[in-house]
Amino acid sequence: KKKGKLPENAKTTLLDWWSTHYRWPYPTEEEKMKLSEITGLDPRQINNWFINQRKGSR
């Protein structure tokens, strides 16, 4: 299975959110929907991105 890379602008948006919420990096459903609209990603992709970010930042 090939790993889909996220579009640069989507990644920037998510990283911006991450950098302002890094103490508690758990977006609410509402925030995920908003991020989904902004980035054009599926909420599932956003979910996975956060899971992976949290794994990598321990």
PDB file of N, CA and C in Angstrom:
ATOM      1  N   LYS A   1       0.842  -1.195   0.000  1.00  0.00           N
ATOM      2  CA  LYS A   1       0.000   0.000   0.000  1.00  0.00           C
ATOM      3  C   LYS A   1       0.877   1.244   0.000  1.00  0.00           C
ATOM      4  N   LYS A   2       0.642   2.133  -0.949  1.00  0.00           N
ATOM      5  CA  LYS A   2       1.523   3.301  -0.956  1.00  0.00           C
ATOM      6  C   LYS A   2       1.018   4.352   0.012  1.00  0.00           C
ATOM      7  N   LYS A   3       1.973   4.992   0.649  1.00  0.00           N
ATOM      8  CA  LYS A   3       1.629   6.005   1.634  1.00  0.00           C
ATOM      9  C   LYS A   3       1.267   7.284   0.916  1.00  0.00           C
ATOM     10  N   GLY A   4       0.048   7.755   1.120  1.00  0.00           N
ATOM     11  CA  GLY A   4      -0.364   8.995   0.478  1.00  0.00           C
ATOM     12  C   GLY A   4       0.248  10.174   1.203  1.00  0.00           C
ATOM     13  N   LYS A   5       0.887  11.044   0.449  1.00  0.00           N
ATOM     14  CA  LYS A   5       1.430  12.240   1.081  1.00  0.00           C
ATOM     15  C   LYS A   5       0.366  13.327   1.031  1.00  0.00           C
ATOM     16  N   LEU A   6       0.273  14.071   2.103  1.00  0.00           N
ATOM     17  CA  LEU A   6      -0.725  15.128   2.146  1.00  0.00           C
ATOM     18  C   LEU A   6      -0.241  16.324   1.336  1.00  0.00           C
ATOM     19  N   PRO A   7      -1.189  17.042   0.737  1.00  0.00           N
ATOM     20  CA  PRO A   7      -0.791  18.270   0.038  1.00  0.00           C
ATOM     21  C   PRO A   7      -0.092  19.224   1.009  1.00  0.00           C
ATOM     22  N   GLU A   8       0.876  19.953   0.501  1.00  0.00           N
ATOM     23  CA  GLU A   8       1.677  20.860   1.321  1.00  0.00           C
ATOM     24  C   GLU A   8       0.802  21.817   2.129  1.00  0.00           C
ATOM     25  N   ASN A   9      -0.190  22.428   1.467  1.00  0.00           N
ATOM     26  CA  ASN A   9      -1.014  23.423   2.172  1.00  0.00           C
ATOM     27  C   ASN A   9      -1.813  22.791   3.308  1.00  0.00           C
ATOM     28  N   ALA A  10      -2.249  21.553   3.106  1.00  0.00           N
ATOM     29  CA  ALA A  10      -2.994  20.852   4.153  1.00  0.00           C
ATOM     30  C   ALA A  10      -2.081  20.599   5.344  1.00  0.00           C
ATOM     31  N   LYS A  11      -0.854  20.193   5.040  1.00  0.00           N
ATOM     32  CA  LYS A  11       0.117  19.903   6.083  1.00  0.00           C
ATOM     33  C   LYS A  11       0.435  21.166   6.881  1.00  0.00           C
ATOM     34  N   THR A  12       0.572  22.279   6.177  1.00  0.00           N
ATOM     35  CA  THR A  12       0.857  23.554   6.835  1.00  0.00           C
ATOM     36  C   THR A  12      -0.270  23.916   7.793  1.00  0.00           C
ATOM     37  N   THR A  13      -1.506  23.765   7.330  1.00  0.00           N
ATOM     38  CA  THR A  13      -2.669  24.072   8.170  1.00  0.00           C
ATOM     39  C   THR A  13      -2.665  23.217   9.422  1.00  0.00           C
ATOM     40  N   LEU A  14      -2.424  21.912   9.257  1.00  0.00           N
ATOM     41  CA  LEU A  14      -2.427  20.996  10.400  1.00  0.00           C
ATOM     42  C   LEU A  14      -1.279  21.305  11.355  1.00  0.00           C
ATOM     43  N   LEU A  15      -0.117  21.616  10.804  1.00  0.00           N
ATOM     44  CA  LEU A  15       1.028  21.935  11.659  1.00  0.00           C
ATOM     45  C   LEU A  15       0.808  23.238  12.415  1.00  0.00           C
ATOM     46  N   ASP A  16       0.118  24.191  11.783  1.00  0.00           N
ATOM     47  CA  ASP A  16      -0.215  25.439  12.477  1.00  0.00           C
ATOM     48  C   ASP A  16      -1.100  25.146  13.677  1.00  0.00           C
ATOM     49  N   TRP A  17      -2.117  24.315  13.437  1.00  0.00           N
ATOM     50  CA  TRP A  17      -3.021  23.957  14.535  1.00  0.00           C
ATOM     51  C   TRP A  17      -2.214  23.269  15.632  1.00  0.00           C
ATOM     52  N   TRP A  18      -1.382  22.332  15.209  1.00  0.00           N
ATOM     53  CA  TRP A  18      -0.558  21.559  16.144  1.00  0.00           C
ATOM     54  C   TRP A  18       0.295  22.481  17.011  1.00  0.00           C
ATOM     55  N   SER A  19       0.931  23.454  16.376  1.00  0.00           N
ATOM     56  CA  SER A  19       1.866  24.295  17.129  1.00  0.00           C
ATOM     57  C   SER A  19       1.151  25.184  18.136  1.00  0.00           C
ATOM     58  N   THR A  20      -0.135  25.486  17.906  1.00  0.00           N
ATOM     59  CA  THR A  20      -0.837  26.296  18.898  1.00  0.00           C
ATOM     60  C   THR A  20      -1.550  25.436  19.943  1.00  0.00           C
ATOM     61  N   HIS A  21      -1.639  24.130  19.723  1.00  0.00           N
ATOM     62  CA  HIS A  21      -2.344  23.252  20.663  1.00  0.00           C
ATOM     63  C   HIS A  21      -1.466  22.112  21.161  1.00  0.00           C
ATOM     64  N   TYR A  22      -0.147  22.277  21.071  1.00  0.00           N
ATOM     65  CA  TYR A  22       0.716  21.122  21.341  1.00  0.00           C
ATOM     66  C   TYR A  22       0.605  20.598  22.774  1.00  0.00           C
ATOM     67  N   ARG A  23       0.145  21.425  23.706  1.00  0.00           N
ATOM     68  CA  ARG A  23       0.016  20.919  25.080  1.00  0.00           C
ATOM     69  C   ARG A  23      -1.122  19.914  25.198  1.00  0.00           C
ATOM     70  N   TRP A  24      -2.146  20.080  24.374  1.00  0.00           N
ATOM     71  CA  TRP A  24      -3.282  19.154  24.374  1.00  0.00           C
ATOM     72  C   TRP A  24      -3.707  18.968  22.926  1.00  0.00           C
ATOM     73  N   PRO A  25      -2.953  18.152  22.195  1.00  0.00           N
ATOM     74  CA  PRO A  25      -3.163  18.069  20.737  1.00  0.00           C
ATOM     75  C   PRO A  25      -4.308  17.147  20.333  1.00  0.00           C
ATOM     76  N   TYR A  26      -5.466  17.387  20.918  1.00  0.00           N
ATOM     77  CA  TYR A  26      -6.633  16.558  20.608  1.00  0.00           C
ATOM     78  C   TYR A  26      -7.754  17.456  20.109  1.00  0.00           C
ATOM     79  N   PRO A  27      -7.870  17.615  18.801  1.00  0.00           N
ATOM     80  CA  PRO A  27      -8.934  18.475  18.279  1.00  0.00           C
ATOM     81  C   PRO A  27     -10.315  17.875  18.560  1.00  0.00           C
ATOM     82  N   THR A  28     -11.278  18.736  18.826  1.00  0.00           N
ATOM     83  CA  THR A  28     -12.657  18.283  19.010  1.00  0.00           C
ATOM     84  C   THR A  28     -13.214  17.877  17.649  1.00  0.00           C
ATOM     85  N   GLU A  29     -14.371  17.220  17.664  1.00  0.00           N
ATOM     86  CA  GLU A  29     -15.008  16.834  16.400  1.00  0.00           C
ATOM     87  C   GLU A  29     -15.235  18.077  15.547  1.00  0.00           C
ATOM     88  N   GLU A  30     -15.642  19.154  16.203  1.00  0.00           N
ATOM     89  CA  GLU A  30     -15.913  20.407  15.512  1.00  0.00           C
ATOM     90  C   GLU A  30     -14.645  20.943  14.843  1.00  0.00           C
ATOM     91  N   GLU A  31     -13.547  20.911  15.583  1.00  0.00           N
ATOM     92  CA  GLU A  31     -12.276  21.385  15.034  1.00  0.00           C
ATOM     93  C   GLU A  31     -11.837  20.510  13.863  1.00  0.00           C
ATOM     94  N   LYS A  32     -12.063  19.208  14.000  1.00  0.00           N
ATOM     95  CA  LYS A  32     -11.698  18.303  12.906  1.00  0.00           C
ATOM     96  C   LYS A  32     -12.505  18.612  11.657  1.00  0.00           C
ATOM     97  N   MET A  33     -13.794  18.895  11.831  1.00  0.00           N
ATOM     98  CA  MET A  33     -14.636  19.233  10.685  1.00  0.00           C
ATOM     99  C   MET A  33     -14.123  20.506  10.021  1.00  0.00           C
ATOM    100  N   LYS A  34     -13.749  21.474  10.852  1.00  0.00           N
ATOM    101  CA  LYS A  34     -13.247  22.741  10.334  1.00  0.00           C
ATOM    102  C   LYS A  34     -11.937  22.518   9.581  1.00  0.00           C
ATOM    103  N   LEU A  35     -11.043  21.750  10.174  1.00  0.00           N
ATOM    104  CA  LEU A  35      -9.771  21.441   9.518  1.00  0.00           C
ATOM    105  C   LEU A  35     -10.014  20.682   8.221  1.00  0.00           C
ATOM    106  N   SER A  36     -11.013  19.829   8.243  1.00  0.00           N
ATOM    107  CA  SER A  36     -11.358  19.058   7.066  1.00  0.00           C
ATOM    108  C   SER A  36     -11.817  19.982   5.936  1.00  0.00           C
ATOM    109  N   GLU A  37     -12.646  20.981   6.285  1.00  0.00           N
ATOM    110  CA  GLU A  37     -13.107  21.938   5.275  1.00  0.00           C
ATOM    111  C   GLU A  37     -11.950  22.756   4.724  1.00  0.00           C
ATOM    112  N   ILE A  38     -11.095  23.237   5.617  1.00  0.00           N
ATOM    113  CA  ILE A  38      -9.976  24.082   5.194  1.00  0.00           C
ATOM    114  C   ILE A  38      -9.009  23.320   4.296  1.00  0.00           C
ATOM    115  N   THR A  39      -8.675  22.098   4.695  1.00  0.00           N
ATOM    116  CA  THR A  39      -7.627  21.355   3.990  1.00  0.00           C
ATOM    117  C   THR A  39      -8.154  20.549   2.816  1.00  0.00           C
ATOM    118  N   GLY A  40      -9.454  20.278   2.810  1.00  0.00           N
ATOM    119  CA  GLY A  40     -10.016  19.422   1.774  1.00  0.00           C
ATOM    120  C   GLY A  40      -9.733  17.947   2.037  1.00  0.00           C
ATOM    121  N   LEU A  41      -9.206  17.645   3.233  1.00  0.00           N
ATOM    122  CA  LEU A  41      -8.950  16.250   3.585  1.00  0.00           C
ATOM    123  C   LEU A  41     -10.188  15.679   4.233  1.00  0.00           C
ATOM    124  N   ASP A  42     -10.223  14.372   4.244  1.00  0.00           N
ATOM    125  CA  ASP A  42     -11.268  13.627   4.876  1.00  0.00           C
ATOM    126  C   ASP A  42     -11.032  13.662   6.389  1.00  0.00           C
ATOM    127  N   PRO A  43     -12.069  13.731   7.216  1.00  0.00           N
ATOM    128  CA  PRO A  43     -11.854  13.726   8.674  1.00  0.00           C
ATOM    129  C   PRO A  43     -11.017  12.531   9.141  1.00  0.00           C
ATOM    130  N   ARG A  44     -11.141  11.393   8.442  1.00  0.00           N
ATOM    131  CA  ARG A  44     -10.352  10.214   8.804  1.00  0.00           C
ATOM    132  C   ARG A  44      -8.863  10.482   8.603  1.00  0.00           C
ATOM    133  N   GLN A  45      -8.533  11.172   7.513  1.00  0.00           N
ATOM    134  CA  GLN A  45      -7.118  11.478   7.259  1.00  0.00           C
ATOM    135  C   GLN A  45      -6.593  12.416   8.337  1.00  0.00           C
ATOM    136  N   ILE A  46      -7.439  13.348   8.737  1.00  0.00           N
ATOM    137  CA  ILE A  46      -7.033  14.293   9.769  1.00  0.00           C
ATOM    138  C   ILE A  46      -6.799  13.553  11.077  1.00  0.00           C
ATOM    139  N   ASN A  47      -7.722  12.665  11.406  1.00  0.00           N
ATOM    140  CA  ASN A  47      -7.569  11.830  12.591  1.00  0.00           C
ATOM    141  C   ASN A  47      -6.250  11.085  12.591  1.00  0.00           C
ATOM    142  N   ASN A  48      -5.961  10.423  11.484  1.00  0.00           N
ATOM    143  CA  ASN A  48      -4.727   9.648  11.364  1.00  0.00           C
ATOM    144  C   ASN A  48      -3.508  10.533  11.473  1.00  0.00           C
ATOM    145  N   TRP A  49      -3.578  11.714  10.867  1.00  0.00           N
ATOM    146  CA  TRP A  49      -2.450  12.633  10.927  1.00  0.00           C
ATOM    147  C   TRP A  49      -2.139  12.974  12.381  1.00  0.00           C
ATOM    148  N   PHE A  50      -3.185  13.261  13.167  1.00  0.00           N
ATOM    149  CA  PHE A  50      -2.967  13.601  14.574  1.00  0.00           C
ATOM    150  C   PHE A  50      -2.421  12.420  15.362  1.00  0.00           C
ATOM    151  N   ILE A  51      -2.925  11.238  15.085  1.00  0.00           N
ATOM    152  CA  ILE A  51      -2.423  10.039  15.766  1.00  0.00           C
ATOM    153  C   ILE A  51      -0.931   9.886  15.480  1.00  0.00           C
ATOM    154  N   ASN A  52      -0.557  10.035  14.225  1.00  0.00           N
ATOM    155  CA  ASN A  52       0.849   9.890  13.846  1.00  0.00           C
ATOM    156  C   ASN A  52       1.705  11.002  14.425  1.00  0.00           C
ATOM    157  N   GLN A  53       1.195  12.223  14.433  1.00  0.00           N
ATOM    158  CA  GLN A  53       1.933  13.340  15.017  1.00  0.00           C
ATOM    159  C   GLN A  53       2.208  13.072  16.493  1.00  0.00           C
ATOM    160  N   ARG A  54       1.172  12.628  17.196  1.00  0.00           N
ATOM    161  CA  ARG A  54       1.333  12.391  18.629  1.00  0.00           C
ATOM    162  C   ARG A  54       2.335  11.285  18.892  1.00  0.00           C
ATOM    163  N   LYS A  55       2.354  10.265  18.057  1.00  0.00           N
ATOM    164  CA  LYS A  55       3.332   9.183  18.205  1.00  0.00           C
ATOM    165  C   LYS A  55       4.738   9.712  18.036  1.00  0.00           C
ATOM    166  N   GLY A  56       4.920  10.574  17.066  1.00  0.00           N
ATOM    167  CA  GLY A  56       6.257  11.048  16.737  1.00  0.00           C
ATOM    168  C   GLY A  56       6.781  12.106  17.678  1.00  0.00           C
ATOM    169  N   SER A  57       5.908  12.676  18.505  1.00  0.00           N
ATOM    170  CA  SER A  57       6.371  13.824  19.283  1.00  0.00           C
ATOM    171  C   SER A  57       6.560  13.509  20.754  1.00  0.00           C
ATOM    172  N   ARG A  58       6.587  12.218  21.100  1.00  0.00           N
ATOM    173  CA  ARG A  58       6.800  11.858  22.509  1.00  0.00           C
ATOM    174  C   ARG A  58       8.220  12.115  22.926  1.00  0.00           C
TER     175      ARG A  58
END
